[in-house]
Amino acid sequence: MEDRILKKYLNLLYCITFSMILLLSAGGMGVSTAHAFFENQARYAFEQRWLPMLSDESSQKRFQAMRAFLAYPEWGLPVLRNSLMSPETENLNWQIVMLIGMLGEPTDVPPLLKIWRELEDHKHSTVWLGAMQRLYWKNRISGGASPKLTSLTLKYLEKDQGVQTEEKAAAIQFRIDNPERSARFIRVSAHFWKTRIQEELPPKYYWLPPGGRIEANLQTRFSAVEHTGDVRLDFRVWEVGRAEELLHKTVNIPLPK
């Protein structure tokens, strides 16, 4: 049923376009004008009809809207991308992200990653990460040199003098360089040992541009076990979508006096 509605709607646009071609040609105007008219009408249909329908309560209507975007990506994909750039939070639904993951390009990963980081609700993180991973591997160039960990330090942060606690506040500061001419999508993890709770920080995701670098930090708190003068840090980097590690560095860090 929904396929017939979609085809009927688009056939109507084609009929209007054909009529416009005849009228504009008779008036001395080119076919390109009619084509531009049709593109505007198609864009309007995706913006005003199919995009809002992706959030409809009816699963049948949501499916119908998704079929429209999948059938005509040349008109639908720009609308999906523009919707994510909108500050309106209701536009950030998982159906839009999933469709971009199916129709987009690797260049869509950095803006998706930026928006995902800024979201307060990570309920559909698997959809976001799955979409970005799919886009990344779409034109992934195999082989080449691995990223290089060029700096790794742990900086203890000043604690509140009014609070008596053995808990240490620290920031893991690191720099990773990409010697390759192609981008790398990486996942970073840090794991502390010789602490009361063997703490593993939540993974963080970064986009390494071709020939570029990232400088970032991971903030954490931990309490060292008694009778030790240092803690151990395992710092690991993976390429998103692969199980083997790209980088693994272990350092023993003295505790502050």
C-alpha atoms as a PDB file:
ATOM      1  CA  MET A   1       0.000   0.000   0.000  1.00  0.00           C
ATOM      2  CA  GLU A   2       2.719   2.451   1.010  1.00  0.00           C
ATOM      3  CA  ASP A   3       4.679   1.709  -2.189  1.00  0.00           C
ATOM      4  CA  ARG A   4       1.656   2.604  -4.305  1.00  0.00           C
ATOM      5  CA  ILE A   5       1.221   5.885  -2.424  1.00  0.00           C
ATOM      6  CA  LEU A   6       4.906   6.761  -2.892  1.00  0.00           C
ATOM      7  CA  LYS A   7       4.847   5.925  -6.603  1.00  0.00           C
ATOM      8  CA  LYS A   8       1.600   7.826  -7.093  1.00  0.00           C
ATOM      9  CA  TYR A   9       3.046  10.909  -5.399  1.00  0.00           C
ATOM     10  CA  LEU A  10       6.238  10.876  -7.449  1.00  0.00           C
ATOM     11  CA  ASN A  11       4.396  10.092 -10.676  1.00  0.00           C
ATOM     12  CA  LEU A  12       2.361  13.223 -10.050  1.00  0.00           C
ATOM     13  CA  LEU A  13       5.575  15.241  -9.811  1.00  0.00           C
ATOM     14  CA  TYR A  14       6.834  13.707 -13.050  1.00  0.00           C
ATOM     15  CA  CYS A  15       3.574  14.596 -14.798  1.00  0.00           C
ATOM     16  CA  ILE A  16       3.840  18.163 -13.559  1.00  0.00           C
ATOM     17  CA  THR A  17       7.435  18.309 -14.783  1.00  0.00           C
ATOM     18  CA  PHE A  18       6.518  17.000 -18.229  1.00  0.00           C
ATOM     19  CA  SER A  19       3.803  19.622 -18.516  1.00  0.00           C
ATOM     20  CA  MET A  20       6.264  22.299 -17.451  1.00  0.00           C
ATOM     21  CA  ILE A  21       8.737  21.140 -20.110  1.00  0.00           C
ATOM     22  CA  LEU A  22       6.097  21.557 -22.814  1.00  0.00           C
ATOM     23  CA  LEU A  23       5.015  24.957 -21.550  1.00  0.00           C
ATOM     24  CA  LEU A  24       8.511  26.310 -21.005  1.00  0.00           C
ATOM     25  CA  SER A  25       9.792  24.947 -24.313  1.00  0.00           C
ATOM     26  CA  ALA A  26       6.910  26.622 -26.117  1.00  0.00           C
ATOM     27  CA  GLY A  27       7.834  29.841 -24.382  1.00  0.00           C
ATOM     28  CA  GLY A  28      11.478  29.588 -25.438  1.00  0.00           C
ATOM     29  CA  MET A  29      12.834  28.419 -22.079  1.00  0.00           C
ATOM     30  CA  GLY A  30      15.088  25.342 -21.748  1.00  0.00           C
ATOM     31  CA  VAL A  31      14.513  21.926 -20.255  1.00  0.00           C
ATOM     32  CA  SER A  32      16.962  22.792 -17.459  1.00  0.00           C
ATOM     33  CA  THR A  33      14.400  25.210 -16.050  1.00  0.00           C
ATOM     34  CA  ALA A  34      11.815  22.450 -15.852  1.00  0.00           C
ATOM     35  CA  HIS A  35      14.372  20.129 -14.266  1.00  0.00           C
ATOM     36  CA  ALA A  36      15.175  22.759 -11.647  1.00  0.00           C
ATOM     37  CA  PHE A  37      11.466  23.144 -10.976  1.00  0.00           C
ATOM     38  CA  PHE A  38      11.105  19.397 -10.431  1.00  0.00           C
ATOM     39  CA  GLU A  39      14.111  19.300  -8.085  1.00  0.00           C
ATOM     40  CA  ASN A  40      12.610  22.106  -6.022  1.00  0.00           C
ATOM     41  CA  GLN A  41       9.304  20.259  -5.814  1.00  0.00           C
ATOM     42  CA  ALA A  42      11.015  16.999  -4.862  1.00  0.00           C
ATOM     43  CA  ARG A  43      13.094  18.757  -2.199  1.00  0.00           C
ATOM     44  CA  TYR A  44       9.967  20.378  -0.818  1.00  0.00           C
ATOM     45  CA  ALA A  45       8.241  16.977  -0.641  1.00  0.00           C
ATOM     46  CA  PHE A  46      11.138  15.453   1.310  1.00  0.00           C
ATOM     47  CA  GLU A  47      11.395  18.418   3.683  1.00  0.00           C
ATOM     48  CA  GLN A  48       7.692  18.871   4.359  1.00  0.00           C
ATOM     49  CA  ARG A  49       6.310  15.339   3.996  1.00  0.00           C
ATOM     50  CA  TRP A  50       8.836  12.526   4.256  1.00  0.00           C
ATOM     51  CA  LEU A  51      11.205  14.012   6.858  1.00  0.00           C
ATOM     52  CA  PRO A  52       8.508  14.694   9.501  1.00  0.00           C
ATOM     53  CA  MET A  53       7.025  11.277   8.752  1.00  0.00           C
ATOM     54  CA  LEU A  54      10.250   9.615   9.991  1.00  0.00           C
ATOM     55  CA  SER A  55       9.148  10.578  13.521  1.00  0.00           C
ATOM     56  CA  ASP A  56       5.505   9.594  13.076  1.00  0.00           C
ATOM     57  CA  GLU A  57       3.895   7.382  15.707  1.00  0.00           C
ATOM     58  CA  SER A  58       2.741   5.011  12.989  1.00  0.00           C
ATOM     59  CA  SER A  59       5.367   2.406  12.096  1.00  0.00           C
ATOM     60  CA  GLN A  60       3.734   2.078   8.677  1.00  0.00           C
ATOM     61  CA  LYS A  61       4.259   5.782   7.936  1.00  0.00           C
ATOM     62  CA  ARG A  62       7.850   5.672   9.214  1.00  0.00           C
ATOM     63  CA  PHE A  63       8.557   2.733   6.925  1.00  0.00           C
ATOM     64  CA  GLN A  64       6.945   4.557   4.009  1.00  0.00           C
ATOM     65  CA  ALA A  65       9.129   7.626   4.633  1.00  0.00           C
ATOM     66  CA  MET A  66      12.292   5.534   4.843  1.00  0.00           C
ATOM     67  CA  ARG A  67      11.438   3.861   1.541  1.00  0.00           C
ATOM     68  CA  ALA A  68      11.152   7.292  -0.062  1.00  0.00           C
ATOM     69  CA  PHE A  69      14.627   8.336   1.135  1.00  0.00           C
ATOM     70  CA  LEU A  70      16.164   5.021   0.068  1.00  0.00           C
ATOM     71  CA  ALA A  71      14.518   5.176  -3.362  1.00  0.00           C
ATOM     72  CA  TYR A  72      15.642   8.739  -4.171  1.00  0.00           C
ATOM     73  CA  PRO A  73      18.882   9.493  -2.266  1.00  0.00           C
ATOM     74  CA  GLU A  74      19.875  12.298  -4.653  1.00  0.00           C
ATOM     75  CA  TRP A  75      17.046  14.412  -3.212  1.00  0.00           C
ATOM     76  CA  GLY A  76      16.649  12.866   0.211  1.00  0.00           C
ATOM     77  CA  LEU A  77      20.266  12.780   1.429  1.00  0.00           C
ATOM     78  CA  PRO A  78      20.806  16.586   1.356  1.00  0.00           C
ATOM     79  CA  VAL A  79      17.585  16.996   3.345  1.00  0.00           C
ATOM     80  CA  LEU A  80      18.791  14.477   5.938  1.00  0.00           C
ATOM     81  CA  ARG A  81      22.142  16.233   6.269  1.00  0.00           C
ATOM     82  CA  ASN A  82      20.529  19.659   6.636  1.00  0.00           C
ATOM     83  CA  SER A  83      18.152  18.351   9.289  1.00  0.00           C
ATOM     84  CA  LEU A  84      21.078  17.341  11.508  1.00  0.00           C
ATOM     85  CA  MET A  85      22.543  20.833  11.238  1.00  0.00           C
ATOM     86  CA  SER A  86      19.306  22.276  12.640  1.00  0.00           C
ATOM     87  CA  PRO A  87      19.404  23.275  16.328  1.00  0.00           C
ATOM     88  CA  GLU A  88      15.965  21.721  16.841  1.00  0.00           C
ATOM     89  CA  THR A  89      16.478  18.666  19.019  1.00  0.00           C
ATOM     90  CA  GLU A  90      13.478  16.811  17.616  1.00  0.00           C
ATOM     91  CA  ASN A  91      15.346  16.434  14.329  1.00  0.00           C
ATOM     92  CA  LEU A  92      18.019  14.286  15.971  1.00  0.00           C
ATOM     93  CA  ASN A  93      16.205  10.976  15.732  1.00  0.00           C
ATOM     94  CA  TRP A  94      17.886   7.667  15.068  1.00  0.00           C
ATOM     95  CA  GLN A  95      16.063   7.060  11.768  1.00  0.00           C
ATOM     96  CA  ILE A  96      17.824  10.055  10.197  1.00  0.00           C
ATOM     97  CA  VAL A  97      21.220   8.853  11.436  1.00  0.00           C
ATOM     98  CA  MET A  98      20.584   5.327  10.176  1.00  0.00           C
ATOM     99  CA  LEU A  99      19.611   6.597   6.715  1.00  0.00           C
ATOM    100  CA  ILE A 100      22.714   8.798   6.484  1.00  0.00           C
ATOM    101  CA  GLY A 101      24.758   5.744   7.447  1.00  0.00           C
ATOM    102  CA  MET A 102      23.232   3.851   4.519  1.00  0.00           C
ATOM    103  CA  LEU A 103      23.306   6.631   1.914  1.00  0.00           C
ATOM    104  CA  GLY A 104      26.115   8.988   2.918  1.00  0.00           C
ATOM    105  CA  GLU A 105      29.875   9.209   2.469  1.00  0.00           C
ATOM    106  CA  PRO A 106      32.892   8.977   4.817  1.00  0.00           C
ATOM    107  CA  THR A 107      32.926  12.793   4.960  1.00  0.00           C
ATOM    108  CA  ASP A 108      29.686  12.563   6.946  1.00  0.00           C
ATOM    109  CA  VAL A 109      31.485  10.933   9.890  1.00  0.00           C
ATOM    110  CA  PRO A 110      33.083  14.076  11.458  1.00  0.00           C
ATOM    111  CA  PRO A 111      29.806  16.059  11.695  1.00  0.00           C
ATOM    112  CA  LEU A 112      27.949  12.988  12.970  1.00  0.00           C
ATOM    113  CA  LEU A 113      30.660  12.397  15.576  1.00  0.00           C
ATOM    114  CA  LYS A 114      30.537  16.033  16.722  1.00  0.00           C
ATOM    115  CA  ILE A 115      26.744  15.991  17.109  1.00  0.00           C
ATOM    116  CA  TRP A 116      26.743  12.627  18.890  1.00  0.00           C
ATOM    117  CA  ARG A 117      29.302  13.844  21.440  1.00  0.00           C
ATOM    118  CA  GLU A 118      27.114  16.841  22.271  1.00  0.00           C
ATOM    119  CA  LEU A 119      23.972  14.780  22.866  1.00  0.00           C
ATOM    120  CA  GLU A 120      22.876  14.429  26.482  1.00  0.00           C
ATOM    121  CA  ASP A 121      20.867  11.290  25.734  1.00  0.00           C
ATOM    122  CA  HIS A 122      22.925   8.429  24.291  1.00  0.00           C
ATOM    123  CA  LYS A 123      19.981   6.031  24.177  1.00  0.00           C
ATOM    124  CA  HIS A 124      20.625   5.133  20.537  1.00  0.00           C
ATOM    125  CA  SER A 125      24.438   5.191  20.635  1.00  0.00           C
ATOM    126  CA  THR A 126      24.630   1.847  18.830  1.00  0.00           C
ATOM    127  CA  VAL A 127      22.772   3.368  15.870  1.00  0.00           C
ATOM    128  CA  TRP A 128      25.083   6.388  15.739  1.00  0.00           C
ATOM    129  CA  LEU A 129      28.240   4.289  16.053  1.00  0.00           C
ATOM    130  CA  GLY A 130      26.962   1.738  13.553  1.00  0.00           C
ATOM    131  CA  ALA A 131      26.182   4.458  11.020  1.00  0.00           C
ATOM    132  CA  MET A 132      29.605   6.093  11.424  1.00  0.00           C
ATOM    133  CA  GLN A 133      31.405   2.761  11.181  1.00  0.00           C
ATOM    134  CA  ARG A 134      29.515   1.850   8.008  1.00  0.00           C
ATOM    135  CA  LEU A 135      30.376   5.204   6.410  1.00  0.00           C
ATOM    136  CA  TYR A 136      34.031   4.949   7.444  1.00  0.00           C
ATOM    137  CA  TRP A 137      34.493   1.543   5.844  1.00  0.00           C
ATOM    138  CA  LYS A 138      32.636   2.511   2.689  1.00  0.00           C
ATOM    139  CA  ASN A 139      35.798   3.765   0.971  1.00  0.00           C
ATOM    140  CA  ARG A 140      38.410   2.668   3.491  1.00  0.00           C
ATOM    141  CA  ILE A 141      41.883   2.323   1.964  1.00  0.00           C
ATOM    142  CA  SER A 142      43.433  -0.864   3.341  1.00  0.00           C
ATOM    143  CA  GLY A 143      47.008  -1.112   4.545  1.00  0.00           C
ATOM    144  CA  GLY A 144      49.274   1.805   5.283  1.00  0.00           C
ATOM    145  CA  ALA A 145      51.039   3.002   8.411  1.00  0.00           C
ATOM    146  CA  SER A 146      49.291   2.935  11.768  1.00  0.00           C
ATOM    147  CA  PRO A 147      48.687   6.094  13.807  1.00  0.00           C
ATOM    148  CA  LYS A 148      51.531   7.091  16.139  1.00  0.00           C
ATOM    149  CA  LEU A 149      51.186   7.875  19.835  1.00  0.00           C
ATOM    150  CA  THR A 150      53.587  10.805  20.110  1.00  0.00           C
ATOM    151  CA  SER A 151      52.739  11.959  23.629  1.00  0.00           C
ATOM    152  CA  LEU A 152      51.148  10.401  26.728  1.00  0.00           C
ATOM    153  CA  THR A 153      51.207  12.000  30.179  1.00  0.00           C
ATOM    154  CA  LEU A 154      49.072  12.016  33.303  1.00  0.00           C
ATOM    155  CA  LYS A 155      48.560  15.316  35.081  1.00  0.00           C
ATOM    156  CA  TYR A 156      47.210  15.387  38.625  1.00  0.00           C
ATOM    157  CA  LEU A 157      44.608  18.068  39.136  1.00  0.00           C
ATOM    158  CA  GLU A 158      44.483  20.309  42.186  1.00  0.00           C
ATOM    159  CA  LYS A 159      42.022  19.049  44.761  1.00  0.00           C
ATOM    160  CA  ASP A 160      39.770  21.070  47.003  1.00  0.00           C
ATOM    161  CA  GLN A 161      41.715  21.727  50.211  1.00  0.00           C
ATOM    162  CA  GLY A 162      38.467  21.632  52.190  1.00  0.00           C
ATOM    163  CA  VAL A 163      37.726  18.058  51.144  1.00  0.00           C
ATOM    164  CA  GLN A 164      39.672  15.308  52.911  1.00  0.00           C
ATOM    165  CA  THR A 165      39.874  12.315  50.562  1.00  0.00           C
ATOM    166  CA  GLU A 166      42.468   9.917  49.177  1.00  0.00           C
ATOM    167  CA  GLU A 167      40.846  10.061  45.763  1.00  0.00           C
ATOM    168  CA  LYS A 168      43.071  11.486  43.044  1.00  0.00           C
ATOM    169  CA  ALA A 169      41.744  13.671  40.235  1.00  0.00           C
ATOM    170  CA  ALA A 170      43.795  13.401  37.069  1.00  0.00           C
ATOM    171  CA  ALA A 171      43.774  14.070  33.337  1.00  0.00           C
ATOM    172  CA  ILE A 172      45.341  11.729  30.791  1.00  0.00           C
ATOM    173  CA  GLN A 173      46.804  13.966  28.090  1.00  0.00           C
ATOM    174  CA  PHE A 174      47.759  12.437  24.761  1.00  0.00           C
ATOM    175  CA  ARG A 175      48.589  13.206  21.159  1.00  0.00           C
ATOM    176  CA  ILE A 176      48.111  10.836  18.225  1.00  0.00           C
ATOM    177  CA  ASP A 177      49.491  11.540  14.745  1.00  0.00           C
ATOM    178  CA  ASN A 178      48.223  10.077  11.479  1.00  0.00           C
ATOM    179  CA  PRO A 179      51.053   9.659   8.923  1.00  0.00           C
ATOM    180  CA  GLU A 180      48.685   8.349   6.242  1.00  0.00           C
ATOM    181  CA  ARG A 181      46.972  10.233   3.410  1.00  0.00           C
ATOM    182  CA  SER A 182      43.628   8.761   4.402  1.00  0.00           C
ATOM    183  CA  ALA A 183      41.594   9.466   7.533  1.00  0.00           C
ATOM    184  CA  ARG A 184      41.390   7.078  10.472  1.00  0.00           C
ATOM    185  CA  PHE A 185      38.401   6.579  12.779  1.00  0.00           C
ATOM    186  CA  ILE A 186      39.727   5.417  16.140  1.00  0.00           C
ATOM    187  CA  ARG A 187      38.540   4.333  19.580  1.00  0.00           C
ATOM    188  CA  VAL A 188      40.639   5.189  22.647  1.00  0.00           C
ATOM    189  CA  SER A 189      40.503   3.394  25.994  1.00  0.00           C
ATOM    190  CA  ALA A 190      42.397   3.808  29.276  1.00  0.00           C
ATOM    191  CA  HIS A 191      42.603   1.299  32.121  1.00  0.00           C
ATOM    192  CA  PHE A 192      44.086   1.928  35.586  1.00  0.00           C
ATOM    193  CA  TRP A 193      45.660  -0.797  37.726  1.00  0.00           C
ATOM    194  CA  LYS A 194      46.932  -0.838  41.328  1.00  0.00           C
ATOM    195  CA  THR A 195      43.862   1.126  42.323  1.00  0.00           C
ATOM    196  CA  ARG A 196      41.113   0.080  44.723  1.00  0.00           C
ATOM    197  CA  ILE A 197      38.797  -0.354  41.784  1.00  0.00           C
ATOM    198  CA  GLN A 198      40.492  -1.401  38.557  1.00  0.00           C
ATOM    199  CA  GLU A 199      39.000   1.473  36.655  1.00  0.00           C
ATOM    200  CA  GLU A 200      38.416   1.344  32.914  1.00  0.00           C
ATOM    201  CA  LEU A 201      37.371   4.665  31.437  1.00  0.00           C
ATOM    202  CA  PRO A 202      34.514   4.748  28.917  1.00  0.00           C
ATOM    203  CA  PRO A 203      35.896   4.606  25.362  1.00  0.00           C
ATOM    204  CA  LYS A 204      36.213   7.806  23.374  1.00  0.00           C
ATOM    205  CA  TYR A 205      36.028   8.135  19.593  1.00  0.00           C
ATOM    206  CA  TYR A 206      38.118  10.429  17.403  1.00  0.00           C
ATOM    207  CA  TRP A 207      38.476  11.271  13.716  1.00  0.00           C
ATOM    208  CA  LEU A 208      42.101  11.472  12.593  1.00  0.00           C
ATOM    209  CA  PRO A 209      42.302  13.572   9.408  1.00  0.00           C
ATOM    210  CA  PRO A 210      44.792  12.622   6.671  1.00  0.00           C
ATOM    211  CA  GLY A 211      48.278  13.644   7.764  1.00  0.00           C
ATOM    212  CA  GLY A 212      46.814  15.303  10.850  1.00  0.00           C
ATOM    213  CA  ARG A 213      46.768  14.776  14.601  1.00  0.00           C
ATOM    214  CA  ILE A 214      44.545  14.985  17.635  1.00  0.00           C
ATOM    215  CA  GLU A 215      45.443  16.359  21.057  1.00  0.00           C
ATOM    216  CA  ALA A 216      42.952  15.421  23.751  1.00  0.00           C
ATOM    217  CA  ASN A 217      42.583  14.485  27.400  1.00  0.00           C
ATOM    218  CA  LEU A 218      40.549  12.050  29.486  1.00  0.00           C
ATOM    219  CA  GLN A 219      39.638  13.149  33.001  1.00  0.00           C
ATOM    220  CA  THR A 220      39.152  10.638  35.795  1.00  0.00           C
ATOM    221  CA  ARG A 221      39.298   9.988  39.538  1.00  0.00           C
ATOM    222  CA  PHE A 222      40.848   7.003  41.285  1.00  0.00           C
ATOM    223  CA  SER A 223      42.102   5.820  44.671  1.00  0.00           C
ATOM    224  CA  ALA A 224      45.394   3.947  44.808  1.00  0.00           C
ATOM    225  CA  VAL A 225      45.769   0.803  46.900  1.00  0.00           C
ATOM    226  CA  GLU A 226      47.717   1.030  50.149  1.00  0.00           C
ATOM    227  CA  HIS A 227      51.489   0.555  50.280  1.00  0.00           C
ATOM    228  CA  THR A 228      52.109   1.539  46.659  1.00  0.00           C
ATOM    229  CA  GLY A 229      53.924   4.508  45.255  1.00  0.00           C
ATOM    230  CA  ASP A 230      52.513   4.444  41.762  1.00  0.00           C
ATOM    231  CA  VAL A 231      49.646   3.318  39.542  1.00  0.00           C
ATOM    232  CA  ARG A 232      49.718   1.517  36.225  1.00  0.00           C
ATOM    233  CA  LEU A 233      48.005   2.884  33.133  1.00  0.00           C
ATOM    234  CA  ASP A 234      47.220   0.833  30.032  1.00  0.00           C
ATOM    235  CA  PHE A 235      46.419   3.084  27.075  1.00  0.00           C
ATOM    236  CA  ARG A 236      44.963   1.408  23.980  1.00  0.00           C
ATOM    237  CA  VAL A 237      43.839   2.539  20.533  1.00  0.00           C
ATOM    238  CA  TRP A 238      41.714   0.570  18.057  1.00  0.00           C
ATOM    239  CA  GLU A 239      40.539   1.323  14.567  1.00  0.00           C
ATOM    240  CA  VAL A 240      36.746   1.389  14.678  1.00  0.00           C
ATOM    241  CA  GLY A 241      35.416  -1.834  13.207  1.00  0.00           C
ATOM    242  CA  ARG A 242      38.495  -3.937  13.956  1.00  0.00           C
ATOM    243  CA  ALA A 243      39.314  -6.121  16.944  1.00  0.00           C
ATOM    244  CA  GLU A 244      43.123  -5.907  16.913  1.00  0.00           C
ATOM    245  CA  GLU A 245      44.840  -3.032  18.686  1.00  0.00           C
ATOM    246  CA  LEU A 246      46.597  -0.311  16.749  1.00  0.00           C
ATOM    247  CA  LEU A 247      48.478   0.972  19.796  1.00  0.00           C
ATOM    248  CA  HIS A 248      49.071  -0.253  23.338  1.00  0.00           C
ATOM    249  CA  LYS A 249      51.284   1.576  25.800  1.00  0.00           C
ATOM    250  CA  THR A 250      51.774   0.774  29.488  1.00  0.00           C
ATOM    251  CA  VAL A 251      53.222   3.327  31.902  1.00  0.00           C
ATOM    252  CA  ASN A 252      53.777   3.385  35.672  1.00  0.00           C
ATOM    253  CA  ILE A 253      52.897   6.768  37.091  1.00  0.00           C
ATOM    254  CA  PRO A 254      54.198   7.938  40.512  1.00  0.00           C
ATOM    255  CA  LEU A 255      51.592   9.138  42.968  1.00  0.00           C
ATOM    256  CA  PRO A 256      51.828  12.762  44.114  1.00  0.00           C
ATOM    257  CA  LYS A 257      53.441  13.367  47.474  1.00  0.00           C
END
